[in-house]
Amino acid sequence: MSTPFFLLFRRSIMDKINKFLKKIFIENGDVTYRLVCKDGFKISIGASVFHHCDPCKNKAWPYKSVQLNFPSELDDLISDYVQDPKEMGNVYSYVPIDIVNELIEKHGGIVE
């Protein structure tokens, strides 16, 4: 039985963000990166033993979830993952890769 088309698309998006994280790590040695989207939205993304992510390991691509920090504006897509809803510049723990990809696409994609 072949994989449905929509699952192939979701996997390619997941692979895109994980490849981006891997590229940033290889180029800079960074486990946290300030991601900038084409519409100007900015957010820090982290995945390592020091972050709230799954797996909680260094260089463990593909990650199932990552930690997000300091969004330039609040976004409903990630509001369920915030540690302290009263603060915008807070930690967003264990945000699923699918949600991160949706957030990035909503804001026009990554400026590379």
N, C-alpha and C. Protein backbone atom coordinates (compact mmCIF):
# COMPACT_ATOMS: atom_id res chain seq x y z
N MET A 1 0.85 -1.19 0.00
CA MET A 1 0.00 0.00 0.00
C MET A 1 0.88 1.25 0.00
N SER A 2 0.60 2.17 -0.87
CA SER A 2 1.42 3.38 -0.97
C SER A 2 0.99 4.42 0.08
N THR A 3 1.91 5.33 0.40
CA THR A 3 1.66 6.39 1.37
C THR A 3 0.79 7.46 0.72
N PRO A 4 -0.29 7.90 1.43
CA PRO A 4 -1.13 8.98 0.89
C PRO A 4 -0.32 10.24 0.63
N PHE A 5 -0.70 10.97 -0.41
CA PHE A 5 0.03 12.16 -0.84
C PHE A 5 0.18 13.17 0.28
N PHE A 6 -0.91 13.41 1.06
CA PHE A 6 -0.83 14.44 2.09
C PHE A 6 0.19 14.08 3.17
N LEU A 7 0.41 12.79 3.43
CA LEU A 7 1.43 12.39 4.39
C LEU A 7 2.83 12.62 3.84
N LEU A 8 3.01 12.41 2.57
CA LEU A 8 4.30 12.69 1.94
C LEU A 8 4.63 14.16 2.06
N PHE A 9 3.62 15.04 1.84
CA PHE A 9 3.81 16.47 1.93
C PHE A 9 4.19 16.87 3.35
N ARG A 10 3.48 16.34 4.36
CA ARG A 10 3.77 16.68 5.75
C ARG A 10 5.19 16.23 6.12
N ARG A 11 5.60 15.06 5.64
CA ARG A 11 6.94 14.58 5.94
C ARG A 11 7.99 15.49 5.30
N SER A 12 7.73 15.98 4.09
CA SER A 12 8.72 16.84 3.44
C SER A 12 8.85 18.16 4.20
N ILE A 13 7.75 18.66 4.77
CA ILE A 13 7.83 19.88 5.57
C ILE A 13 8.62 19.61 6.83
N MET A 14 8.34 18.47 7.49
CA MET A 14 9.07 18.13 8.70
C MET A 14 10.56 18.01 8.38
N ASP A 15 10.86 17.37 7.30
CA ASP A 15 12.26 17.23 6.91
C ASP A 15 12.89 18.59 6.65
N LYS A 16 12.13 19.53 6.13
CA LYS A 16 12.66 20.86 5.83
C LYS A 16 13.12 21.56 7.11
N ILE A 17 12.31 21.56 8.16
CA ILE A 17 12.71 22.26 9.39
C ILE A 17 13.85 21.52 10.07
N ASN A 18 13.84 20.20 10.06
CA ASN A 18 14.94 19.45 10.65
C ASN A 18 16.24 19.65 9.87
N LYS A 19 16.15 19.71 8.56
CA LYS A 19 17.34 19.99 7.74
C LYS A 19 17.87 21.39 8.04
N PHE A 20 16.96 22.34 8.24
CA PHE A 20 17.35 23.70 8.58
C PHE A 20 18.10 23.71 9.92
N LEU A 21 17.55 23.03 10.93
CA LEU A 21 18.21 22.96 12.23
C LEU A 21 19.59 22.32 12.12
N LYS A 22 19.66 21.26 11.34
CA LYS A 22 20.94 20.57 11.16
C LYS A 22 21.95 21.48 10.46
N LYS A 23 21.50 22.19 9.43
CA LYS A 23 22.36 23.10 8.69
C LYS A 23 22.92 24.19 9.60
N ILE A 24 22.07 24.77 10.42
CA ILE A 24 22.50 25.82 11.35
C ILE A 24 23.53 25.26 12.33
N PHE A 25 23.29 24.04 12.82
CA PHE A 25 24.24 23.44 13.76
C PHE A 25 25.59 23.19 13.08
N ILE A 26 25.56 22.64 11.88
CA ILE A 26 26.82 22.33 11.18
C ILE A 26 27.58 23.61 10.83
N GLU A 27 26.87 24.63 10.36
CA GLU A 27 27.53 25.87 9.96
C GLU A 27 28.04 26.69 11.14
N ASN A 28 27.26 26.73 12.23
CA ASN A 28 27.59 27.64 13.33
C ASN A 28 27.85 26.94 14.66
N GLY A 29 27.52 25.67 14.76
CA GLY A 29 27.63 24.97 16.04
C GLY A 29 26.55 25.38 17.01
N ASP A 30 25.54 26.09 16.52
CA ASP A 30 24.46 26.58 17.39
C ASP A 30 23.37 25.54 17.57
N VAL A 31 22.86 25.46 18.81
CA VAL A 31 21.70 24.62 19.07
C VAL A 31 20.44 25.48 19.23
N THR A 32 20.63 26.79 19.25
CA THR A 32 19.52 27.75 19.27
C THR A 32 19.76 28.74 18.15
N TYR A 33 18.69 29.10 17.46
CA TYR A 33 18.83 30.00 16.33
C TYR A 33 17.64 30.96 16.29
N ARG A 34 17.90 32.23 16.02
CA ARG A 34 16.85 33.24 15.87
C ARG A 34 16.37 33.18 14.43
N LEU A 35 15.22 32.57 14.24
CA LEU A 35 14.65 32.35 12.92
C LEU A 35 13.88 33.59 12.48
N VAL A 36 14.08 34.02 11.25
CA VAL A 36 13.37 35.18 10.69
C VAL A 36 12.53 34.69 9.52
N CYS A 37 11.25 35.07 9.54
CA CYS A 37 10.34 34.70 8.45
C CYS A 37 10.21 35.86 7.46
N LYS A 38 9.71 35.54 6.29
CA LYS A 38 9.63 36.52 5.19
C LYS A 38 8.73 37.71 5.49
N ASP A 39 7.74 37.54 6.41
CA ASP A 39 6.88 38.67 6.76
C ASP A 39 7.42 39.47 7.94
N GLY A 40 8.64 39.12 8.42
CA GLY A 40 9.25 39.84 9.52
C GLY A 40 9.08 39.19 10.89
N PHE A 41 8.25 38.18 10.98
CA PHE A 41 8.07 37.44 12.24
C PHE A 41 9.39 36.79 12.63
N LYS A 42 9.73 36.88 13.92
CA LYS A 42 10.98 36.30 14.41
C LYS A 42 10.70 35.45 15.64
N ILE A 43 11.43 34.36 15.76
CA ILE A 43 11.31 33.48 16.93
C ILE A 43 12.58 32.65 17.06
N SER A 44 12.99 32.41 18.29
CA SER A 44 14.15 31.54 18.52
C SER A 44 13.68 30.10 18.58
N ILE A 45 14.46 29.22 17.99
CA ILE A 45 14.14 27.79 17.95
C ILE A 45 15.35 27.03 18.47
N GLY A 46 15.10 26.08 19.36
CA GLY A 46 16.19 25.32 19.94
C GLY A 46 15.86 23.85 20.07
N ALA A 47 16.88 23.02 19.88
CA ALA A 47 16.72 21.57 20.00
C ALA A 47 18.06 20.98 20.43
N SER A 48 18.12 20.56 21.69
CA SER A 48 19.34 19.95 22.23
C SER A 48 19.03 19.38 23.60
N VAL A 49 20.05 18.89 24.26
CA VAL A 49 19.90 18.38 25.61
C VAL A 49 19.48 19.50 26.59
N PHE A 50 19.69 20.75 26.21
CA PHE A 50 19.36 21.89 27.06
C PHE A 50 17.96 22.46 26.80
N HIS A 51 17.21 21.90 25.88
CA HIS A 51 15.91 22.44 25.49
C HIS A 51 14.78 21.46 25.79
N HIS A 52 13.58 22.03 25.86
CA HIS A 52 12.37 21.22 26.01
C HIS A 52 11.96 20.75 24.62
N CYS A 53 12.52 19.61 24.21
CA CYS A 53 12.29 19.07 22.87
C CYS A 53 12.27 17.55 22.93
N ASP A 54 11.84 16.94 21.85
CA ASP A 54 11.80 15.48 21.77
C ASP A 54 12.42 15.04 20.45
N PRO A 55 13.50 14.27 20.49
CA PRO A 55 14.19 13.80 21.69
C PRO A 55 15.01 14.92 22.32
N CYS A 56 15.23 14.79 23.61
CA CYS A 56 16.00 15.80 24.35
C CYS A 56 17.47 15.39 24.32
N LYS A 57 18.05 15.50 23.12
CA LYS A 57 19.44 15.10 22.88
C LYS A 57 20.06 16.07 21.88
N ASN A 58 21.36 16.09 21.85
CA ASN A 58 22.08 16.87 20.84
C ASN A 58 22.13 16.09 19.52
N LYS A 59 22.02 16.81 18.43
CA LYS A 59 22.16 16.25 17.08
C LYS A 59 21.28 15.00 16.88
N ALA A 60 20.03 15.08 17.31
CA ALA A 60 19.13 13.92 17.26
C ALA A 60 18.06 14.08 16.18
N TRP A 61 18.47 14.54 15.02
CA TRP A 61 17.52 14.74 13.93
C TRP A 61 16.95 13.40 13.48
N PRO A 62 15.68 13.35 13.12
CA PRO A 62 14.69 14.43 13.12
C PRO A 62 14.03 14.58 14.50
N TYR A 63 13.84 15.83 14.91
CA TYR A 63 13.15 16.13 16.16
C TYR A 63 11.65 16.05 15.93
N LYS A 64 10.94 15.54 16.93
CA LYS A 64 9.48 15.49 16.89
C LYS A 64 8.88 16.78 17.42
N SER A 65 9.59 17.41 18.36
CA SER A 65 9.16 18.69 18.91
C SER A 65 10.40 19.50 19.29
N VAL A 66 10.22 20.82 19.37
CA VAL A 66 11.33 21.72 19.68
C VAL A 66 10.87 22.77 20.69
N GLN A 67 11.83 23.54 21.19
CA GLN A 67 11.52 24.64 22.08
C GLN A 67 11.57 25.94 21.28
N LEU A 68 10.58 26.79 21.49
CA LEU A 68 10.55 28.11 20.86
C LEU A 68 10.63 29.16 21.95
N ASN A 69 11.27 30.29 21.65
CA ASN A 69 11.42 31.40 22.61
C ASN A 69 11.26 32.73 21.90
N PHE A 70 10.82 33.71 22.66
CA PHE A 70 10.84 35.12 22.27
C PHE A 70 10.25 35.42 20.89
N PRO A 71 8.98 35.09 20.67
CA PRO A 71 8.37 35.48 19.38
C PRO A 71 8.25 37.00 19.30
N SER A 72 8.38 37.52 18.10
CA SER A 72 8.26 38.97 17.91
C SER A 72 6.82 39.43 18.07
N GLU A 73 5.89 38.51 18.00
CA GLU A 73 4.47 38.79 18.25
C GLU A 73 3.81 37.48 18.69
N LEU A 74 2.72 37.60 19.43
CA LEU A 74 2.00 36.41 19.86
C LEU A 74 1.34 35.75 18.67
N ASP A 75 1.25 34.44 18.71
CA ASP A 75 0.60 33.69 17.63
C ASP A 75 -0.21 32.55 18.25
N ASP A 76 -1.48 32.46 17.85
CA ASP A 76 -2.38 31.45 18.40
C ASP A 76 -1.91 30.02 18.16
N LEU A 77 -1.13 29.80 17.12
CA LEU A 77 -0.67 28.44 16.82
C LEU A 77 0.18 27.84 17.94
N ILE A 78 0.89 28.69 18.67
CA ILE A 78 1.78 28.18 19.71
C ILE A 78 1.33 28.52 21.13
N SER A 79 0.20 29.19 21.28
CA SER A 79 -0.24 29.66 22.60
C SER A 79 -0.45 28.52 23.60
N ASP A 80 -0.80 27.34 23.15
CA ASP A 80 -1.03 26.20 24.06
C ASP A 80 0.27 25.68 24.66
N TYR A 81 1.41 26.08 24.15
CA TYR A 81 2.70 25.54 24.58
C TYR A 81 3.51 26.49 25.45
N VAL A 82 2.96 27.68 25.74
CA VAL A 82 3.69 28.69 26.52
C VAL A 82 3.72 28.29 28.00
N GLN A 83 4.87 28.54 28.65
CA GLN A 83 4.99 28.22 30.07
C GLN A 83 4.29 29.24 30.94
N ASP A 84 4.35 30.52 30.58
CA ASP A 84 3.68 31.57 31.36
C ASP A 84 2.92 32.46 30.38
N PRO A 85 1.60 32.26 30.27
CA PRO A 85 0.80 33.01 29.27
C PRO A 85 0.82 34.52 29.44
N LYS A 86 1.24 35.02 30.60
CA LYS A 86 1.26 36.47 30.83
C LYS A 86 2.44 37.16 30.15
N GLU A 87 3.43 36.39 29.74
CA GLU A 87 4.62 36.96 29.14
C GLU A 87 4.78 36.53 27.68
N MET A 88 5.02 37.50 26.79
CA MET A 88 5.21 37.18 25.38
C MET A 88 6.58 36.54 25.16
N GLY A 89 7.62 37.08 25.78
CA GLY A 89 8.97 36.56 25.59
C GLY A 89 9.23 35.40 26.52
N ASN A 90 8.58 34.32 26.28
CA ASN A 90 8.67 33.19 27.18
C ASN A 90 9.07 31.94 26.43
N VAL A 91 9.11 30.86 27.17
CA VAL A 91 9.47 29.55 26.62
C VAL A 91 8.21 28.83 26.17
N TYR A 92 8.27 28.28 24.96
CA TYR A 92 7.20 27.46 24.41
C TYR A 92 7.78 26.05 24.30
N SER A 93 7.33 25.16 25.18
CA SER A 93 7.94 23.84 25.34
C SER A 93 7.29 22.77 24.48
N TYR A 94 8.12 21.87 23.97
CA TYR A 94 7.68 20.69 23.24
C TYR A 94 6.67 21.02 22.14
N VAL A 95 6.98 22.01 21.34
CA VAL A 95 6.10 22.40 20.23
C VAL A 95 6.32 21.40 19.10
N PRO A 96 5.25 20.68 18.70
CA PRO A 96 5.41 19.68 17.64
C PRO A 96 5.93 20.29 16.33
N ILE A 97 6.76 19.54 15.66
CA ILE A 97 7.35 19.99 14.39
C ILE A 97 6.26 20.42 13.40
N ASP A 98 5.15 19.70 13.35
CA ASP A 98 4.06 20.08 12.44
C ASP A 98 3.56 21.49 12.74
N ILE A 99 3.46 21.84 14.02
CA ILE A 99 3.00 23.18 14.41
C ILE A 99 4.06 24.21 14.03
N VAL A 100 5.33 23.89 14.25
CA VAL A 100 6.42 24.82 13.88
C VAL A 100 6.40 25.06 12.38
N ASN A 101 6.23 24.01 11.61
CA ASN A 101 6.18 24.17 10.15
C ASN A 101 4.98 25.02 9.73
N GLU A 102 3.84 24.78 10.37
CA GLU A 102 2.64 25.58 10.06
C GLU A 102 2.87 27.04 10.42
N LEU A 103 3.51 27.29 11.56
CA LEU A 103 3.82 28.67 11.98
C LEU A 103 4.73 29.36 10.96
N ILE A 104 5.76 28.66 10.53
CA ILE A 104 6.71 29.22 9.58
C ILE A 104 6.04 29.49 8.23
N GLU A 105 5.23 28.56 7.77
CA GLU A 105 4.51 28.76 6.50
C GLU A 105 3.52 29.91 6.60
N LYS A 106 2.86 30.03 7.75
CA LYS A 106 1.89 31.12 7.97
C LYS A 106 2.57 32.48 7.83
N HIS A 107 3.85 32.54 8.19
CA HIS A 107 4.59 33.80 8.14
C HIS A 107 5.48 33.90 6.89
N GLY A 108 5.18 33.10 5.88
CA GLY A 108 5.83 33.25 4.57
C GLY A 108 7.08 32.41 4.34
N GLY A 109 7.46 31.61 5.32
CA GLY A 109 8.66 30.79 5.15
C GLY A 109 9.88 31.46 5.78
N ILE A 110 10.98 30.72 5.78
CA ILE A 110 12.22 31.17 6.42
C ILE A 110 13.03 32.03 5.46
N VAL A 111 13.55 33.14 6.00
CA VAL A 111 14.53 33.94 5.27
C VAL A 111 15.87 33.26 5.49
N GLU A 112 16.50 32.78 4.41
CA GLU A 112 17.79 32.09 4.56
C GLU A 112 18.92 32.90 3.97
